[in-house]
Amino acid sequence: MASAHVLPQVSVEEYERTPELFERHEYVDGVLIEKPVPTWKHTRLQGWFSVLFWKYYSIFDAGPELHSKLREKNWRIPDFAVQKPEVSNQEKYAVAPLLLAIEIRSPEDKWGEILTKFEDYHAWGVPYCWLFDPETERAWTYHKSEDFEEVTGKGQIQAGDIQLSLEEIFSRLHQS
């Protein structure tokens, strides 16, 4: 998830051709937004999502930190992206809207920044967004024109035909 640390403006061309900028920053309307260094809990959830999607939904392409070009001067990097293979097989990076964008909240993330990012995803055409907070073990869905909706207890989080148990998702945080 992007933090509020904003760097000097650069052109989109410079961003796309400079590996040290492209690898660790999002790019929104000429502004570089540095992604925070992930915590262990953040990293565990990203890896666990890879396992869960392989186990239950291997019909999709899914993975962490996929550069996604939402529009000409807007690159976002969801913590975890899910796409149909017939779309992802045609792209180097995501240029067609993802099926699901997942963000894992970092301690320095602000709700307003998360909301802006999810609104960007929805404007691009992403139908489903999920947010996970590994510190509090809470999860939310966000759908276009609606507020964040918390998924409570041991419930299921859903995106169309994709459905995962919060208990199974957060179980990875308790393994030693």
N, C-alpha and C. Protein backbone atom coordinates (compact mmCIF):
# COMPACT_ATOMS: atom_id res chain seq x y z
N MET A 1 0.84 -1.17 0.00
CA MET A 1 0.00 0.00 0.00
C MET A 1 0.89 1.23 0.00
N ALA A 2 0.52 2.27 -0.72
CA ALA A 2 1.34 3.46 -0.84
C ALA A 2 1.29 4.31 0.42
N SER A 3 2.40 4.88 0.78
CA SER A 3 2.44 5.77 1.93
C SER A 3 2.36 7.21 1.43
N ALA A 4 2.32 8.15 2.36
CA ALA A 4 2.20 9.55 2.01
C ALA A 4 3.53 10.17 1.61
N HIS A 5 4.61 9.41 1.62
CA HIS A 5 5.91 9.97 1.28
C HIS A 5 5.95 10.25 -0.22
N VAL A 6 5.87 11.53 -0.57
CA VAL A 6 5.82 11.96 -1.97
C VAL A 6 7.17 12.52 -2.36
N LEU A 7 7.62 12.15 -3.55
CA LEU A 7 8.92 12.58 -4.06
C LEU A 7 8.73 13.60 -5.19
N PRO A 8 9.82 14.19 -5.65
CA PRO A 8 9.72 15.20 -6.72
C PRO A 8 9.03 14.65 -7.97
N GLN A 9 8.45 15.57 -8.72
CA GLN A 9 7.78 15.17 -9.96
C GLN A 9 8.79 14.77 -11.02
N VAL A 10 8.41 13.74 -11.78
CA VAL A 10 9.19 13.30 -12.93
C VAL A 10 8.20 13.00 -14.05
N SER A 11 8.71 12.90 -15.26
CA SER A 11 7.83 12.55 -16.38
C SER A 11 7.49 11.06 -16.31
N VAL A 12 6.39 10.70 -16.93
CA VAL A 12 6.00 9.29 -16.96
C VAL A 12 7.05 8.47 -17.70
N GLU A 13 7.67 9.05 -18.71
CA GLU A 13 8.71 8.35 -19.46
C GLU A 13 9.92 8.05 -18.57
N GLU A 14 10.32 9.04 -17.76
CA GLU A 14 11.44 8.83 -16.85
C GLU A 14 11.09 7.75 -15.81
N TYR A 15 9.88 7.80 -15.28
CA TYR A 15 9.43 6.78 -14.32
C TYR A 15 9.50 5.38 -14.93
N GLU A 16 8.98 5.23 -16.14
CA GLU A 16 8.90 3.91 -16.77
C GLU A 16 10.28 3.35 -17.15
N ARG A 17 11.26 4.20 -17.40
CA ARG A 17 12.57 3.71 -17.84
C ARG A 17 13.63 3.67 -16.74
N THR A 18 13.28 4.10 -15.53
CA THR A 18 14.24 4.14 -14.43
C THR A 18 13.89 3.06 -13.41
N PRO A 19 14.63 1.95 -13.43
CA PRO A 19 14.26 0.81 -12.56
C PRO A 19 14.10 1.17 -11.09
N GLU A 20 14.98 1.99 -10.53
CA GLU A 20 14.88 2.29 -9.10
C GLU A 20 13.63 3.11 -8.77
N LEU A 21 13.08 3.84 -9.75
CA LEU A 21 11.81 4.54 -9.54
C LEU A 21 10.64 3.58 -9.75
N PHE A 22 10.69 2.82 -10.83
CA PHE A 22 9.59 1.93 -11.22
C PHE A 22 9.36 0.82 -10.21
N GLU A 23 10.43 0.30 -9.62
CA GLU A 23 10.32 -0.86 -8.74
C GLU A 23 9.71 -0.53 -7.38
N ARG A 24 9.95 0.63 -6.83
CA ARG A 24 9.53 0.93 -5.45
C ARG A 24 8.54 2.08 -5.32
N HIS A 25 8.02 2.58 -6.44
CA HIS A 25 7.14 3.73 -6.36
C HIS A 25 5.90 3.54 -7.24
N GLU A 26 4.82 4.13 -6.80
CA GLU A 26 3.67 4.29 -7.67
C GLU A 26 3.82 5.66 -8.33
N TYR A 27 3.07 5.88 -9.38
CA TYR A 27 3.17 7.13 -10.13
C TYR A 27 1.75 7.63 -10.39
N VAL A 28 1.41 8.77 -9.81
CA VAL A 28 0.05 9.30 -9.94
C VAL A 28 0.13 10.75 -10.41
N ASP A 29 -0.27 10.97 -11.64
CA ASP A 29 -0.34 12.33 -12.22
C ASP A 29 0.97 13.11 -12.04
N GLY A 30 2.08 12.47 -12.34
CA GLY A 30 3.37 13.14 -12.30
C GLY A 30 4.09 13.07 -10.97
N VAL A 31 3.45 12.49 -9.97
CA VAL A 31 4.03 12.45 -8.63
C VAL A 31 4.42 11.01 -8.27
N LEU A 32 5.64 10.83 -7.78
CA LEU A 32 6.09 9.53 -7.28
C LEU A 32 5.61 9.35 -5.85
N ILE A 33 5.04 8.19 -5.57
CA ILE A 33 4.62 7.86 -4.21
C ILE A 33 5.37 6.61 -3.80
N GLU A 34 6.22 6.75 -2.80
CA GLU A 34 7.07 5.65 -2.36
C GLU A 34 6.24 4.60 -1.62
N LYS A 35 6.45 3.34 -1.98
CA LYS A 35 5.79 2.25 -1.27
C LYS A 35 6.59 1.94 -0.01
N PRO A 36 5.91 1.71 1.11
CA PRO A 36 6.65 1.42 2.34
C PRO A 36 7.31 0.05 2.28
N VAL A 37 8.34 -0.11 3.09
CA VAL A 37 8.99 -1.40 3.22
C VAL A 37 8.02 -2.30 4.00
N PRO A 38 7.71 -3.48 3.47
CA PRO A 38 6.71 -4.32 4.14
C PRO A 38 7.21 -4.91 5.46
N THR A 39 6.27 -5.12 6.37
CA THR A 39 6.57 -5.82 7.63
C THR A 39 6.51 -7.32 7.37
N TRP A 40 6.94 -8.11 8.36
CA TRP A 40 6.84 -9.57 8.21
C TRP A 40 5.40 -10.01 8.05
N LYS A 41 4.48 -9.42 8.81
CA LYS A 41 3.07 -9.82 8.69
C LYS A 41 2.54 -9.51 7.29
N HIS A 42 2.92 -8.38 6.76
CA HIS A 42 2.52 -7.98 5.41
C HIS A 42 3.02 -9.01 4.40
N THR A 43 4.29 -9.35 4.53
CA THR A 43 4.92 -10.31 3.62
C THR A 43 4.28 -11.70 3.74
N ARG A 44 4.00 -12.12 4.97
CA ARG A 44 3.34 -13.42 5.17
C ARG A 44 1.99 -13.47 4.46
N LEU A 45 1.21 -12.39 4.61
CA LEU A 45 -0.11 -12.38 3.95
C LEU A 45 0.03 -12.41 2.44
N GLN A 46 0.96 -11.67 1.88
CA GLN A 46 1.15 -11.72 0.43
C GLN A 46 1.49 -13.13 -0.03
N GLY A 47 2.43 -13.76 0.65
CA GLY A 47 2.80 -15.13 0.29
C GLY A 47 1.64 -16.09 0.48
N TRP A 48 0.90 -15.93 1.56
CA TRP A 48 -0.22 -16.80 1.86
C TRP A 48 -1.31 -16.64 0.80
N PHE A 49 -1.55 -15.42 0.33
CA PHE A 49 -2.53 -15.24 -0.75
C PHE A 49 -2.10 -16.02 -1.99
N SER A 50 -0.80 -16.04 -2.27
CA SER A 50 -0.33 -16.83 -3.41
C SER A 50 -0.68 -18.30 -3.23
N VAL A 51 -0.47 -18.83 -2.03
CA VAL A 51 -0.80 -20.23 -1.74
C VAL A 51 -2.30 -20.47 -1.87
N LEU A 52 -3.09 -19.61 -1.25
CA LEU A 52 -4.54 -19.80 -1.25
C LEU A 52 -5.13 -19.72 -2.66
N PHE A 53 -4.64 -18.78 -3.46
CA PHE A 53 -5.16 -18.68 -4.82
C PHE A 53 -4.71 -19.87 -5.66
N TRP A 54 -3.51 -20.36 -5.43
CA TRP A 54 -3.06 -21.55 -6.15
C TRP A 54 -3.90 -22.76 -5.73
N LYS A 55 -4.19 -22.87 -4.45
CA LYS A 55 -4.94 -24.00 -3.91
C LYS A 55 -6.40 -24.01 -4.37
N TYR A 56 -7.06 -22.87 -4.28
CA TYR A 56 -8.51 -22.81 -4.52
C TYR A 56 -8.91 -22.21 -5.87
N TYR A 57 -8.08 -21.34 -6.40
CA TYR A 57 -8.48 -20.58 -7.60
C TYR A 57 -7.35 -20.54 -8.62
N SER A 58 -6.77 -21.69 -8.90
CA SER A 58 -5.65 -21.74 -9.84
C SER A 58 -6.07 -21.41 -11.27
N ILE A 59 -7.36 -21.26 -11.50
CA ILE A 59 -7.83 -20.85 -12.83
C ILE A 59 -7.47 -19.38 -13.11
N PHE A 60 -7.10 -18.64 -12.05
CA PHE A 60 -6.72 -17.23 -12.21
C PHE A 60 -5.22 -17.07 -12.11
N ASP A 61 -4.70 -16.00 -12.71
CA ASP A 61 -3.33 -15.58 -12.46
C ASP A 61 -3.39 -14.64 -11.27
N ALA A 62 -2.55 -14.88 -10.28
CA ALA A 62 -2.58 -14.08 -9.07
C ALA A 62 -1.18 -13.96 -8.51
N GLY A 63 -0.84 -12.77 -8.00
CA GLY A 63 0.48 -12.59 -7.43
C GLY A 63 0.67 -11.21 -6.84
N PRO A 64 1.79 -11.04 -6.13
CA PRO A 64 2.05 -9.77 -5.45
C PRO A 64 2.71 -8.72 -6.34
N GLU A 65 2.47 -7.46 -5.95
CA GLU A 65 3.22 -6.31 -6.48
C GLU A 65 3.21 -6.19 -8.00
N LEU A 66 2.06 -6.33 -8.62
CA LEU A 66 1.97 -6.23 -10.08
C LEU A 66 1.77 -4.77 -10.50
N HIS A 67 2.68 -4.25 -11.29
CA HIS A 67 2.52 -2.90 -11.81
C HIS A 67 1.28 -2.85 -12.69
N SER A 68 0.44 -1.85 -12.41
CA SER A 68 -0.84 -1.74 -13.10
C SER A 68 -1.00 -0.32 -13.63
N LYS A 69 -1.12 -0.21 -14.95
CA LYS A 69 -1.24 1.10 -15.59
C LYS A 69 -2.71 1.44 -15.72
N LEU A 70 -3.18 2.29 -14.81
CA LEU A 70 -4.59 2.63 -14.75
C LEU A 70 -5.00 3.65 -15.82
N ARG A 71 -4.07 4.52 -16.14
CA ARG A 71 -4.25 5.47 -17.25
C ARG A 71 -2.87 6.00 -17.61
N GLU A 72 -2.77 6.88 -18.57
CA GLU A 72 -1.47 7.30 -19.10
C GLU A 72 -0.49 7.75 -18.03
N LYS A 73 -0.93 8.51 -17.05
CA LYS A 73 -0.02 9.02 -16.02
C LYS A 73 -0.40 8.51 -14.64
N ASN A 74 -0.76 7.22 -14.58
CA ASN A 74 -1.17 6.66 -13.30
C ASN A 74 -0.81 5.19 -13.23
N TRP A 75 0.24 4.88 -12.51
CA TRP A 75 0.66 3.50 -12.25
C TRP A 75 0.44 3.21 -10.77
N ARG A 76 -0.28 2.16 -10.49
CA ARG A 76 -0.45 1.70 -9.11
C ARG A 76 0.16 0.31 -8.99
N ILE A 77 0.48 -0.08 -7.78
CA ILE A 77 1.06 -1.40 -7.53
C ILE A 77 0.27 -2.05 -6.39
N PRO A 78 -0.78 -2.78 -6.72
CA PRO A 78 -1.52 -3.44 -5.64
C PRO A 78 -0.64 -4.46 -4.93
N ASP A 79 -0.89 -4.63 -3.66
CA ASP A 79 -0.12 -5.62 -2.90
C ASP A 79 -0.33 -7.02 -3.44
N PHE A 80 -1.52 -7.28 -3.98
CA PHE A 80 -1.80 -8.58 -4.59
C PHE A 80 -2.86 -8.37 -5.67
N ALA A 81 -2.63 -8.95 -6.84
CA ALA A 81 -3.51 -8.77 -7.99
C ALA A 81 -4.04 -10.11 -8.48
N VAL A 82 -5.28 -10.10 -8.94
CA VAL A 82 -5.91 -11.30 -9.49
C VAL A 82 -6.47 -10.94 -10.86
N GLN A 83 -6.19 -11.81 -11.85
CA GLN A 83 -6.64 -11.54 -13.22
C GLN A 83 -7.00 -12.86 -13.91
N LYS A 84 -7.85 -12.75 -14.91
CA LYS A 84 -8.16 -13.90 -15.76
C LYS A 84 -6.97 -14.14 -16.69
N PRO A 85 -6.55 -15.41 -16.87
CA PRO A 85 -5.37 -15.68 -17.71
C PRO A 85 -5.53 -15.24 -19.15
N GLU A 86 -6.74 -15.26 -19.68
CA GLU A 86 -6.90 -14.81 -21.07
C GLU A 86 -6.58 -13.33 -21.23
N VAL A 87 -6.61 -12.58 -20.14
CA VAL A 87 -6.21 -11.17 -20.17
C VAL A 87 -4.72 -11.05 -19.84
N SER A 88 -4.28 -11.68 -18.75
CA SER A 88 -2.88 -11.53 -18.32
C SER A 88 -1.90 -12.11 -19.32
N ASN A 89 -2.30 -13.12 -20.08
CA ASN A 89 -1.40 -13.70 -21.08
C ASN A 89 -1.09 -12.73 -22.22
N GLN A 90 -1.87 -11.68 -22.33
CA GLN A 90 -1.68 -10.70 -23.40
C GLN A 90 -0.88 -9.47 -22.95
N GLU A 91 -0.47 -9.42 -21.67
CA GLU A 91 0.12 -8.21 -21.11
C GLU A 91 1.45 -8.49 -20.41
N LYS A 92 2.36 -7.50 -20.47
CA LYS A 92 3.58 -7.57 -19.67
C LYS A 92 3.27 -7.10 -18.25
N TYR A 93 2.56 -6.00 -18.14
CA TYR A 93 2.05 -5.47 -16.88
C TYR A 93 0.54 -5.39 -17.03
N ALA A 94 -0.15 -5.11 -15.95
CA ALA A 94 -1.61 -4.98 -16.05
C ALA A 94 -1.95 -3.66 -16.73
N VAL A 95 -2.59 -3.76 -17.87
CA VAL A 95 -3.12 -2.58 -18.54
C VAL A 95 -4.63 -2.68 -18.68
N ALA A 96 -5.17 -3.88 -18.61
CA ALA A 96 -6.61 -4.08 -18.54
C ALA A 96 -6.98 -4.20 -17.06
N PRO A 97 -8.15 -3.71 -16.67
CA PRO A 97 -8.53 -3.75 -15.25
C PRO A 97 -8.44 -5.16 -14.66
N LEU A 98 -7.92 -5.22 -13.46
CA LEU A 98 -7.82 -6.48 -12.72
C LEU A 98 -9.21 -6.98 -12.35
N LEU A 99 -9.30 -8.24 -12.02
CA LEU A 99 -10.54 -8.80 -11.48
C LEU A 99 -10.67 -8.44 -10.00
N LEU A 100 -9.54 -8.45 -9.29
CA LEU A 100 -9.53 -8.17 -7.85
C LEU A 100 -8.19 -7.51 -7.50
N ALA A 101 -8.25 -6.42 -6.75
CA ALA A 101 -7.06 -5.77 -6.21
C ALA A 101 -7.10 -5.89 -4.69
N ILE A 102 -6.01 -6.39 -4.11
CA ILE A 102 -5.93 -6.56 -2.67
C ILE A 102 -4.82 -5.67 -2.13
N GLU A 103 -5.14 -4.94 -1.09
CA GLU A 103 -4.16 -4.12 -0.39
C GLU A 103 -4.02 -4.64 1.04
N ILE A 104 -2.80 -4.61 1.54
CA ILE A 104 -2.49 -5.00 2.90
C ILE A 104 -1.99 -3.74 3.60
N ARG A 105 -2.71 -3.33 4.61
CA ARG A 105 -2.43 -2.06 5.26
C ARG A 105 -1.09 -2.10 6.00
N SER A 106 -0.29 -1.08 5.74
CA SER A 106 0.96 -0.87 6.46
C SER A 106 0.69 0.09 7.61
N PRO A 107 1.48 0.04 8.67
CA PRO A 107 1.22 0.91 9.82
C PRO A 107 1.12 2.40 9.47
N GLU A 108 1.87 2.85 8.47
CA GLU A 108 1.86 4.28 8.13
C GLU A 108 0.76 4.68 7.14
N ASP A 109 -0.01 3.73 6.64
CA ASP A 109 -1.07 4.04 5.68
C ASP A 109 -2.20 4.82 6.34
N LYS A 110 -2.72 5.77 5.61
CA LYS A 110 -3.86 6.58 6.06
C LYS A 110 -5.11 6.14 5.29
N TRP A 111 -6.26 6.17 5.97
CA TRP A 111 -7.51 5.72 5.33
C TRP A 111 -7.81 6.51 4.06
N GLY A 112 -7.55 7.81 4.08
CA GLY A 112 -7.83 8.63 2.89
C GLY A 112 -7.01 8.19 1.69
N GLU A 113 -5.75 7.79 1.92
CA GLU A 113 -4.90 7.31 0.83
C GLU A 113 -5.41 5.98 0.28
N ILE A 114 -5.85 5.12 1.19
CA ILE A 114 -6.39 3.82 0.77
C ILE A 114 -7.65 4.03 -0.05
N LEU A 115 -8.53 4.90 0.42
CA LEU A 115 -9.77 5.20 -0.29
C LEU A 115 -9.46 5.75 -1.69
N THR A 116 -8.52 6.68 -1.78
CA THR A 116 -8.15 7.24 -3.08
C THR A 116 -7.65 6.15 -4.03
N LYS A 117 -6.83 5.25 -3.50
CA LYS A 117 -6.30 4.17 -4.32
C LYS A 117 -7.43 3.25 -4.80
N PHE A 118 -8.35 2.90 -3.93
CA PHE A 118 -9.47 2.04 -4.32
C PHE A 118 -10.38 2.76 -5.32
N GLU A 119 -10.58 4.05 -5.14
CA GLU A 119 -11.37 4.80 -6.13
C GLU A 119 -10.69 4.81 -7.49
N ASP A 120 -9.35 4.91 -7.51
CA ASP A 120 -8.60 4.81 -8.75
C ASP A 120 -8.81 3.45 -9.40
N TYR A 121 -8.75 2.38 -8.60
CA TYR A 121 -8.98 1.04 -9.14
C TYR A 121 -10.38 0.92 -9.75
N HIS A 122 -11.37 1.43 -9.03
CA HIS A 122 -12.74 1.33 -9.55
C HIS A 122 -12.94 2.18 -10.81
N ALA A 123 -12.36 3.36 -10.85
CA ALA A 123 -12.45 4.19 -12.06
C ALA A 123 -11.80 3.48 -13.24
N TRP A 124 -10.79 2.70 -13.00
CA TRP A 124 -10.10 1.92 -14.03
C TRP A 124 -10.97 0.75 -14.50
N GLY A 125 -11.85 0.26 -13.62
CA GLY A 125 -12.74 -0.84 -13.98
C GLY A 125 -12.60 -2.08 -13.12
N VAL A 126 -11.80 -2.00 -12.04
CA VAL A 126 -11.66 -3.15 -11.13
C VAL A 126 -12.96 -3.30 -10.35
N PRO A 127 -13.64 -4.45 -10.46
CA PRO A 127 -14.92 -4.59 -9.77
C PRO A 127 -14.82 -4.86 -8.27
N TYR A 128 -13.69 -5.42 -7.82
CA TYR A 128 -13.58 -5.83 -6.41
C TYR A 128 -12.25 -5.39 -5.82
N CYS A 129 -12.32 -4.84 -4.60
CA CYS A 129 -11.13 -4.47 -3.84
C CYS A 129 -11.28 -5.00 -2.42
N TRP A 130 -10.20 -5.58 -1.92
CA TRP A 130 -10.16 -6.05 -0.54
C TRP A 130 -9.04 -5.33 0.18
N LEU A 131 -9.25 -5.08 1.48
CA LEU A 131 -8.24 -4.48 2.33
C LEU A 131 -8.07 -5.36 3.57
N PHE A 132 -6.81 -5.63 3.92
CA PHE A 132 -6.50 -6.42 5.11
C PHE A 132 -5.56 -5.64 6.00
N ASP A 133 -5.83 -5.67 7.29
CA ASP A 133 -4.94 -5.07 8.28
C ASP A 133 -4.35 -6.21 9.11
N PRO A 134 -3.09 -6.57 8.85
CA PRO A 134 -2.49 -7.70 9.56
C PRO A 134 -2.28 -7.44 11.05
N GLU A 135 -2.19 -6.19 11.44
CA GLU A 135 -1.97 -5.87 12.86
C GLU A 135 -3.23 -6.12 13.69
N THR A 136 -4.39 -5.80 13.15
CA THR A 136 -5.65 -5.97 13.89
C THR A 136 -6.42 -7.20 13.42
N GLU A 137 -5.93 -7.84 12.36
CA GLU A 137 -6.59 -8.99 11.74
C GLU A 137 -8.04 -8.67 11.39
N ARG A 138 -8.17 -7.55 10.69
CA ARG A 138 -9.48 -7.12 10.20
C ARG A 138 -9.41 -7.03 8.68
N ALA A 139 -10.59 -7.17 8.05
CA ALA A 139 -10.65 -7.13 6.59
C ALA A 139 -11.89 -6.37 6.15
N TRP A 140 -11.78 -5.73 4.98
CA TRP A 140 -12.88 -4.96 4.41
C TRP A 140 -12.97 -5.23 2.91
N THR A 141 -14.17 -5.09 2.40
CA THR A 141 -14.36 -5.04 0.96
C THR A 141 -14.71 -3.60 0.62
N TYR A 142 -14.45 -3.23 -0.62
CA TYR A 142 -14.81 -1.90 -1.09
C TYR A 142 -15.35 -2.05 -2.49
N HIS A 143 -16.56 -1.59 -2.66
CA HIS A 143 -17.20 -1.66 -3.98
C HIS A 143 -17.54 -0.25 -4.43
N LYS A 144 -17.49 -0.04 -5.70
CA LYS A 144 -17.76 1.27 -6.28
C LYS A 144 -19.05 1.86 -5.71
N SER A 145 -18.98 3.12 -5.34
CA SER A 145 -20.11 3.88 -4.82
C SER A 145 -20.60 3.41 -3.46
N GLU A 146 -19.82 2.61 -2.76
CA GLU A 146 -20.20 2.16 -1.42
C GLU A 146 -19.03 2.44 -0.47
N ASP A 147 -19.31 2.42 0.81
CA ASP A 147 -18.25 2.58 1.80
C ASP A 147 -17.54 1.25 2.01
N PHE A 148 -16.43 1.32 2.74
CA PHE A 148 -15.77 0.08 3.16
C PHE A 148 -16.77 -0.73 3.97
N GLU A 149 -16.81 -2.02 3.72
CA GLU A 149 -17.67 -2.90 4.49
C GLU A 149 -16.78 -3.92 5.19
N GLU A 150 -16.80 -3.90 6.52
CA GLU A 150 -15.95 -4.82 7.26
C GLU A 150 -16.53 -6.23 7.21
N VAL A 151 -15.65 -7.18 7.02
CA VAL A 151 -16.01 -8.59 7.08
C VAL A 151 -15.62 -9.03 8.49
N THR A 152 -16.59 -9.48 9.24
CA THR A 152 -16.34 -9.70 10.67
C THR A 152 -16.25 -11.17 11.03
N GLY A 153 -15.72 -11.38 12.23
CA GLY A 153 -15.64 -12.72 12.79
C GLY A 153 -14.85 -13.67 11.92
N LYS A 154 -15.37 -14.87 11.78
CA LYS A 154 -14.73 -15.90 10.96
C LYS A 154 -15.41 -15.99 9.61
N GLY A 155 -15.95 -14.87 9.15
CA GLY A 155 -16.71 -14.83 7.92
C GLY A 155 -15.89 -15.09 6.67
N GLN A 156 -16.58 -15.02 5.57
CA GLN A 156 -15.99 -15.22 4.25
C GLN A 156 -15.89 -13.86 3.57
N ILE A 157 -14.78 -13.63 2.90
CA ILE A 157 -14.64 -12.43 2.09
C ILE A 157 -14.84 -12.87 0.64
N GLN A 158 -15.58 -12.07 -0.12
CA GLN A 158 -16.01 -12.52 -1.44
C GLN A 158 -15.78 -11.45 -2.51
N ALA A 159 -15.46 -11.94 -3.70
CA ALA A 159 -15.33 -11.11 -4.90
C ALA A 159 -15.87 -11.94 -6.05
N GLY A 160 -17.13 -11.73 -6.41
CA GLY A 160 -17.75 -12.57 -7.44
C GLY A 160 -17.76 -14.02 -6.97
N ASP A 161 -17.17 -14.90 -7.78
CA ASP A 161 -17.11 -16.33 -7.44
C ASP A 161 -15.95 -16.68 -6.52
N ILE A 162 -15.11 -15.73 -6.21
CA ILE A 162 -13.97 -15.97 -5.31
C ILE A 162 -14.44 -15.74 -3.88
N GLN A 163 -14.15 -16.72 -3.03
CA GLN A 163 -14.57 -16.63 -1.64
C GLN A 163 -13.50 -17.30 -0.77
N LEU A 164 -13.00 -16.55 0.22
CA LEU A 164 -11.98 -17.09 1.13
C LEU A 164 -12.40 -16.84 2.58
N SER A 165 -12.00 -17.74 3.45
CA SER A 165 -12.29 -17.64 4.87
C SER A 165 -11.28 -16.72 5.56
N LEU A 166 -11.78 -15.77 6.34
CA LEU A 166 -10.87 -14.90 7.10
C LEU A 166 -10.05 -15.72 8.09
N GLU A 167 -10.66 -16.74 8.67
CA GLU A 167 -9.94 -17.58 9.61
C GLU A 167 -8.73 -18.22 8.93
N GLU A 168 -8.92 -18.73 7.72
CA GLU A 168 -7.81 -19.34 7.00
C GLU A 168 -6.78 -18.30 6.57
N ILE A 169 -7.23 -17.15 6.13
CA ILE A 169 -6.31 -16.09 5.71
C ILE A 169 -5.41 -15.67 6.87
N PHE A 170 -6.01 -15.34 8.01
CA PHE A 170 -5.23 -14.84 9.14
C PHE A 170 -4.50 -15.95 9.90
N SER A 171 -4.84 -17.20 9.62
CA SER A 171 -4.17 -18.30 10.32
C SER A 171 -2.66 -18.28 10.07
N ARG A 172 -2.24 -17.82 8.93
CA ARG A 172 -0.81 -17.77 8.59
C ARG A 172 -0.03 -16.86 9.51
N LEU A 173 -0.69 -15.88 10.09
CA LEU A 173 -0.01 -14.94 10.98
C LEU A 173 0.34 -15.58 12.32
N HIS A 174 -0.26 -16.73 12.62
CA HIS A 174 -0.07 -17.38 13.92
C HIS A 174 0.82 -18.61 13.83
N GLN A 175 1.31 -18.93 12.67
CA GLN A 175 2.18 -20.09 12.53
C GLN A 175 3.61 -19.70 12.89
N SER A 176 4.31 -20.62 13.49
CA SER A 176 5.70 -20.31 13.86
C SER A 176 6.67 -21.05 12.96
